[in-house]
Amino acid sequence: MASGQWFSGRFDHTVDSKGRVSLPSPFRKVCDLLAEGAPIELFAFPMDGCVFLIPKPNMAPIVERFRELSFSRKDARDATRRFFSRQQQLNCDSQGRILINEAARKEAGIEGDVVFIGALDRMELWSKSAYERHMAEDGLTFEEIEQRAFDGLEILPAAGPEAGS
């Protein structure tokens, strides 16, 4: 991803009966910067109970990882098959909407009220109820998740008077 550009925030939207939803304006701005004047292209695929939305420039490292897999390994072929067969290429229409295909919407339970969240190099589109359930499920604090995800490596500076000492 271009240095200084990432997706962050939460935005509530609604998917219409045809499966169209408007990209949040701040996300469109990041996509425009990444596209460098070209039309916005996104790749969508269901994962973790939501639909991942990844701008084309951010797909390059993912595609390269798949290309590095050994064609002679069945698990590598299966992973490639499953990942790319579920992927959908999207473009924004003139109103800034994207059309999520029915299979992806069904797999992620997306209809009606939805939530877009920024997740660094990608956006995630969730059913509003599934997102709220997911966030409440584990009951962990950000600090506990940080500890697990970064294996004890602090990503945020310590707060309080001892931080400067």
C-alpha atoms as a PDB file:
ATOM      1  CA  MET A   1       0.000   0.000   0.000  1.00  0.00           C
ATOM      2  CA  ALA A   2       1.214   3.496  -0.740  1.00  0.00           C
ATOM      3  CA  SER A   3       2.953   5.004   2.248  1.00  0.00           C
ATOM      4  CA  GLY A   4       0.594   7.123   4.309  1.00  0.00           C
ATOM      5  CA  GLN A   5      -2.573   5.604   2.834  1.00  0.00           C
ATOM      6  CA  TRP A   6      -4.719   3.158   4.780  1.00  0.00           C
ATOM      7  CA  PHE A   7      -8.324   2.362   5.549  1.00  0.00           C
ATOM      8  CA  SER A   8      -9.665   3.137   9.011  1.00  0.00           C
ATOM      9  CA  GLY A   9     -12.982   3.891  10.648  1.00  0.00           C
ATOM     10  CA  ARG A  10     -16.480   2.463  10.786  1.00  0.00           C
ATOM     11  CA  PHE A  11     -19.333   3.499   8.514  1.00  0.00           C
ATOM     12  CA  ASP A  12     -22.931   2.275   8.601  1.00  0.00           C
ATOM     13  CA  HIS A  13     -24.646   1.845   5.226  1.00  0.00           C
ATOM     14  CA  THR A  14     -27.466  -0.112   3.601  1.00  0.00           C
ATOM     15  CA  VAL A  15     -27.286  -2.651   0.782  1.00  0.00           C
ATOM     16  CA  ASP A  16     -30.129  -2.209  -1.685  1.00  0.00           C
ATOM     17  CA  SER A  17     -32.260  -5.050  -3.083  1.00  0.00           C
ATOM     18  CA  LYS A  18     -29.890  -5.448  -6.060  1.00  0.00           C
ATOM     19  CA  GLY A  19     -26.820  -5.900  -3.820  1.00  0.00           C
ATOM     20  CA  ARG A  20     -25.416  -2.396  -4.357  1.00  0.00           C
ATOM     21  CA  VAL A  21     -23.863  -0.363  -1.583  1.00  0.00           C
ATOM     22  CA  SER A  22     -22.092   3.002  -1.580  1.00  0.00           C
ATOM     23  CA  LEU A  23     -18.451   3.038  -0.584  1.00  0.00           C
ATOM     24  CA  PRO A  24     -17.912   5.473   2.290  1.00  0.00           C
ATOM     25  CA  SER A  25     -16.466   8.751   1.038  1.00  0.00           C
ATOM     26  CA  PRO A  26     -13.206   8.461   3.055  1.00  0.00           C
ATOM     27  CA  PHE A  27     -12.650   4.985   1.571  1.00  0.00           C
ATOM     28  CA  ARG A  28     -13.313   6.272  -1.963  1.00  0.00           C
ATOM     29  CA  LYS A  29     -10.677   8.968  -1.394  1.00  0.00           C
ATOM     30  CA  VAL A  30      -8.050   6.377  -0.394  1.00  0.00           C
ATOM     31  CA  CYS A  31      -9.038   4.202  -3.370  1.00  0.00           C
ATOM     32  CA  ASP A  32      -8.723   7.211  -5.706  1.00  0.00           C
ATOM     33  CA  LEU A  33      -5.214   7.932  -4.405  1.00  0.00           C
ATOM     34  CA  LEU A  34      -4.192   4.291  -4.808  1.00  0.00           C
ATOM     35  CA  ALA A  35      -5.669   4.114  -8.318  1.00  0.00           C
ATOM     36  CA  GLU A  36      -3.578   7.148  -9.384  1.00  0.00           C
ATOM     37  CA  GLY A  37      -6.246   8.487 -11.743  1.00  0.00           C
ATOM     38  CA  ALA A  38      -7.424   5.117 -13.063  1.00  0.00           C
ATOM     39  CA  PRO A  39     -10.929   3.851 -12.301  1.00  0.00           C
ATOM     40  CA  ILE A  40     -11.250   2.285  -8.849  1.00  0.00           C
ATOM     41  CA  GLU A  41     -10.960  -1.498  -9.027  1.00  0.00           C
ATOM     42  CA  LEU A  42     -11.606  -3.646  -5.984  1.00  0.00           C
ATOM     43  CA  PHE A  43     -11.352  -7.355  -5.379  1.00  0.00           C
ATOM     44  CA  ALA A  44     -14.000  -8.818  -3.095  1.00  0.00           C
ATOM     45  CA  PHE A  45     -14.129 -12.188  -1.422  1.00  0.00           C
ATOM     46  CA  PRO A  46     -15.938 -13.556   1.603  1.00  0.00           C
ATOM     47  CA  MET A  47     -13.759 -14.375   4.617  1.00  0.00           C
ATOM     48  CA  ASP A  48     -14.186 -14.419   8.413  1.00  0.00           C
ATOM     49  CA  GLY A  49     -17.932 -13.773   8.174  1.00  0.00           C
ATOM     50  CA  CYS A  50     -17.598 -10.619   6.091  1.00  0.00           C
ATOM     51  CA  VAL A  51     -16.539  -9.552   2.592  1.00  0.00           C
ATOM     52  CA  PHE A  52     -12.964  -8.332   2.228  1.00  0.00           C
ATOM     53  CA  LEU A  53     -12.615  -5.456  -0.255  1.00  0.00           C
ATOM     54  CA  ILE A  54      -9.060  -4.940  -1.466  1.00  0.00           C
ATOM     55  CA  PRO A  55      -8.011  -2.264  -3.974  1.00  0.00           C
ATOM     56  CA  LYS A  56      -6.178  -3.603  -7.019  1.00  0.00           C
ATOM     57  CA  PRO A  57      -2.770  -2.120  -6.039  1.00  0.00           C
ATOM     58  CA  ASN A  58      -2.983  -3.892  -2.675  1.00  0.00           C
ATOM     59  CA  MET A  59      -3.718  -7.247  -4.328  1.00  0.00           C
ATOM     60  CA  ALA A  60      -0.276  -7.454  -5.965  1.00  0.00           C
ATOM     61  CA  PRO A  61       1.578  -8.794  -2.880  1.00  0.00           C
ATOM     62  CA  ILE A  62      -1.208 -11.310  -2.231  1.00  0.00           C
ATOM     63  CA  VAL A  63      -1.119 -12.556  -5.806  1.00  0.00           C
ATOM     64  CA  GLU A  64       2.687 -12.829  -5.614  1.00  0.00           C
ATOM     65  CA  ARG A  65       2.411 -14.992  -2.486  1.00  0.00           C
ATOM     66  CA  PHE A  66       0.129 -17.363  -4.376  1.00  0.00           C
ATOM     67  CA  ARG A  67       2.522 -17.415  -7.335  1.00  0.00           C
ATOM     68  CA  GLU A  68       5.309 -18.480  -4.971  1.00  0.00           C
ATOM     69  CA  LEU A  69       3.360 -21.578  -3.918  1.00  0.00           C
ATOM     70  CA  SER A  70       4.538 -24.847  -5.421  1.00  0.00           C
ATOM     71  CA  PHE A  71       2.225 -26.007  -8.181  1.00  0.00           C
ATOM     72  CA  SER A  72       3.175 -29.589  -7.326  1.00  0.00           C
ATOM     73  CA  ARG A  73       1.574 -29.359  -3.858  1.00  0.00           C
ATOM     74  CA  LYS A  74      -2.104 -30.253  -3.669  1.00  0.00           C
ATOM     75  CA  ASP A  75      -2.721 -27.960  -0.682  1.00  0.00           C
ATOM     76  CA  ALA A  76      -1.240 -25.045  -2.651  1.00  0.00           C
ATOM     77  CA  ARG A  77      -3.466 -25.783  -5.648  1.00  0.00           C
ATOM     78  CA  ASP A  78      -6.496 -26.109  -3.352  1.00  0.00           C
ATOM     79  CA  ALA A  79      -5.723 -22.810  -1.596  1.00  0.00           C
ATOM     80  CA  THR A  80      -5.290 -21.032  -4.931  1.00  0.00           C
ATOM     81  CA  ARG A  81      -8.498 -22.535  -6.285  1.00  0.00           C
ATOM     82  CA  ARG A  82     -10.543 -21.592  -3.247  1.00  0.00           C
ATOM     83  CA  PHE A  83      -9.181 -18.077  -2.959  1.00  0.00           C
ATOM     84  CA  PHE A  84      -9.458 -17.021  -6.594  1.00  0.00           C
ATOM     85  CA  SER A  85     -12.722 -18.812  -7.433  1.00  0.00           C
ATOM     86  CA  ARG A  86     -14.500 -16.888  -4.668  1.00  0.00           C
ATOM     87  CA  GLN A  87     -13.034 -13.552  -5.689  1.00  0.00           C
ATOM     88  CA  GLN A  88     -15.034 -10.919  -7.544  1.00  0.00           C
ATOM     89  CA  GLN A  89     -13.604  -7.917  -9.380  1.00  0.00           C
ATOM     90  CA  LEU A  90     -15.601  -4.741  -8.716  1.00  0.00           C
ATOM     91  CA  ASN A  91     -15.730  -1.239 -10.092  1.00  0.00           C
ATOM     92  CA  CYS A  92     -17.488   1.765  -8.608  1.00  0.00           C
ATOM     93  CA  ASP A  93     -20.370   3.123 -10.621  1.00  0.00           C
ATOM     94  CA  SER A  94     -20.830   6.856 -11.223  1.00  0.00           C
ATOM     95  CA  GLN A  95     -22.561   7.174  -7.826  1.00  0.00           C
ATOM     96  CA  GLY A  96     -19.712   5.497  -5.912  1.00  0.00           C
ATOM     97  CA  ARG A  97     -21.560   2.213  -5.448  1.00  0.00           C
ATOM     98  CA  ILE A  98     -20.274  -1.320  -5.773  1.00  0.00           C
ATOM     99  CA  LEU A  99     -22.300  -4.439  -6.552  1.00  0.00           C
ATOM    100  CA  ILE A 100     -21.514  -7.407  -4.319  1.00  0.00           C
ATOM    101  CA  ASN A 101     -22.458 -10.683  -5.991  1.00  0.00           C
ATOM    102  CA  GLU A 102     -25.176 -12.845  -4.497  1.00  0.00           C
ATOM    103  CA  ALA A 103     -22.875 -15.726  -3.502  1.00  0.00           C
ATOM    104  CA  ALA A 104     -20.605 -13.432  -1.448  1.00  0.00           C
ATOM    105  CA  ARG A 105     -23.600 -11.676   0.128  1.00  0.00           C
ATOM    106  CA  LYS A 106     -25.127 -15.020   1.045  1.00  0.00           C
ATOM    107  CA  GLU A 107     -21.903 -16.439   2.494  1.00  0.00           C
ATOM    108  CA  ALA A 108     -21.375 -13.326   4.646  1.00  0.00           C
ATOM    109  CA  GLY A 109     -25.072 -12.851   5.497  1.00  0.00           C
ATOM    110  CA  ILE A 110     -25.078  -9.388   3.987  1.00  0.00           C
ATOM    111  CA  GLU A 111     -28.412  -7.690   3.365  1.00  0.00           C
ATOM    112  CA  GLY A 112     -30.003  -4.502   4.580  1.00  0.00           C
ATOM    113  CA  ASP A 113     -27.968  -2.750   7.285  1.00  0.00           C
ATOM    114  CA  VAL A 114     -24.221  -3.193   6.891  1.00  0.00           C
ATOM    115  CA  VAL A 115     -21.019  -1.863   8.376  1.00  0.00           C
ATOM    116  CA  PHE A 116     -17.872  -0.930   6.481  1.00  0.00           C
ATOM    117  CA  ILE A 117     -14.727  -1.009   8.576  1.00  0.00           C
ATOM    118  CA  GLY A 118     -11.226   0.007   7.649  1.00  0.00           C
ATOM    119  CA  ALA A 119      -8.596  -2.659   8.256  1.00  0.00           C
ATOM    120  CA  LEU A 120      -5.321  -1.049   7.125  1.00  0.00           C
ATOM    121  CA  ASP A 121      -4.839  -2.252   3.523  1.00  0.00           C
ATOM    122  CA  ARG A 122      -8.398  -3.457   3.030  1.00  0.00           C
ATOM    123  CA  MET A 123     -11.989  -2.641   3.800  1.00  0.00           C
ATOM    124  CA  GLU A 124     -14.376  -5.144   5.314  1.00  0.00           C
ATOM    125  CA  LEU A 125     -18.114  -5.219   4.674  1.00  0.00           C
ATOM    126  CA  TRP A 126     -20.135  -6.841   7.443  1.00  0.00           C
ATOM    127  CA  SER A 127     -23.767  -7.466   8.202  1.00  0.00           C
ATOM    128  CA  LYS A 128     -24.350  -4.962  11.015  1.00  0.00           C
ATOM    129  CA  SER A 129     -25.632  -7.645  13.399  1.00  0.00           C
ATOM    130  CA  ALA A 130     -22.749 -10.032  12.563  1.00  0.00           C
ATOM    131  CA  TYR A 131     -20.176  -7.282  13.159  1.00  0.00           C
ATOM    132  CA  GLU A 132     -21.659  -6.324  16.507  1.00  0.00           C
ATOM    133  CA  ARG A 133     -21.807 -10.005  17.509  1.00  0.00           C
ATOM    134  CA  HIS A 134     -18.205 -10.540  16.372  1.00  0.00           C
ATOM    135  CA  MET A 135     -16.950  -7.552  18.362  1.00  0.00           C
ATOM    136  CA  ALA A 136     -18.782  -8.658  21.516  1.00  0.00           C
ATOM    137  CA  GLU A 137     -17.967 -12.381  21.186  1.00  0.00           C
ATOM    138  CA  ASP A 138     -14.477 -12.655  22.598  1.00  0.00           C
ATOM    139  CA  GLY A 139     -14.876  -9.998  25.293  1.00  0.00           C
ATOM    140  CA  LEU A 140     -11.201  -9.035  24.945  1.00  0.00           C
ATOM    141  CA  THR A 141      -9.865  -5.510  25.299  1.00  0.00           C
ATOM    142  CA  PHE A 142      -7.728  -3.936  22.582  1.00  0.00           C
ATOM    143  CA  GLU A 143      -4.697  -4.355  24.841  1.00  0.00           C
ATOM    144  CA  GLU A 144      -5.332  -8.104  25.178  1.00  0.00           C
ATOM    145  CA  ILE A 145      -5.761  -8.504  21.430  1.00  0.00           C
ATOM    146  CA  GLU A 146      -2.599  -6.428  20.847  1.00  0.00           C
ATOM    147  CA  GLN A 147      -0.660  -8.765  23.148  1.00  0.00           C
ATOM    148  CA  ARG A 148      -1.857 -11.826  21.246  1.00  0.00           C
ATOM    149  CA  ALA A 149      -1.478 -10.431  17.749  1.00  0.00           C
ATOM    150  CA  PHE A 150       1.948  -8.900  18.279  1.00  0.00           C
ATOM    151  CA  ASP A 151       3.230 -11.537  20.671  1.00  0.00           C
ATOM    152  CA  GLY A 152       4.062  -9.010  23.377  1.00  0.00           C
ATOM    153  CA  LEU A 153       5.533  -6.394  21.015  1.00  0.00           C
ATOM    154  CA  GLU A 154       3.935  -3.068  21.939  1.00  0.00           C
ATOM    155  CA  ILE A 155       2.578  -1.193  18.954  1.00  0.00           C
ATOM    156  CA  LEU A 156       1.286   1.800  20.846  1.00  0.00           C
ATOM    157  CA  PRO A 157       3.469   3.953  23.083  1.00  0.00           C
ATOM    158  CA  ALA A 158       2.892   3.546  26.783  1.00  0.00           C
ATOM    159  CA  ALA A 159       0.661   6.194  28.319  1.00  0.00           C
ATOM    160  CA  GLY A 160       1.024   7.972  31.611  1.00  0.00           C
ATOM    161  CA  PRO A 161       3.865   9.628  33.541  1.00  0.00           C
ATOM    162  CA  GLU A 162       6.197   6.628  33.263  1.00  0.00           C
ATOM    163  CA  ALA A 163       6.053   6.784  29.442  1.00  0.00           C
ATOM    164  CA  GLY A 164       8.634   9.557  29.250  1.00  0.00           C
ATOM    165  CA  SER A 165      11.075   8.123  31.760  1.00  0.00           C
END
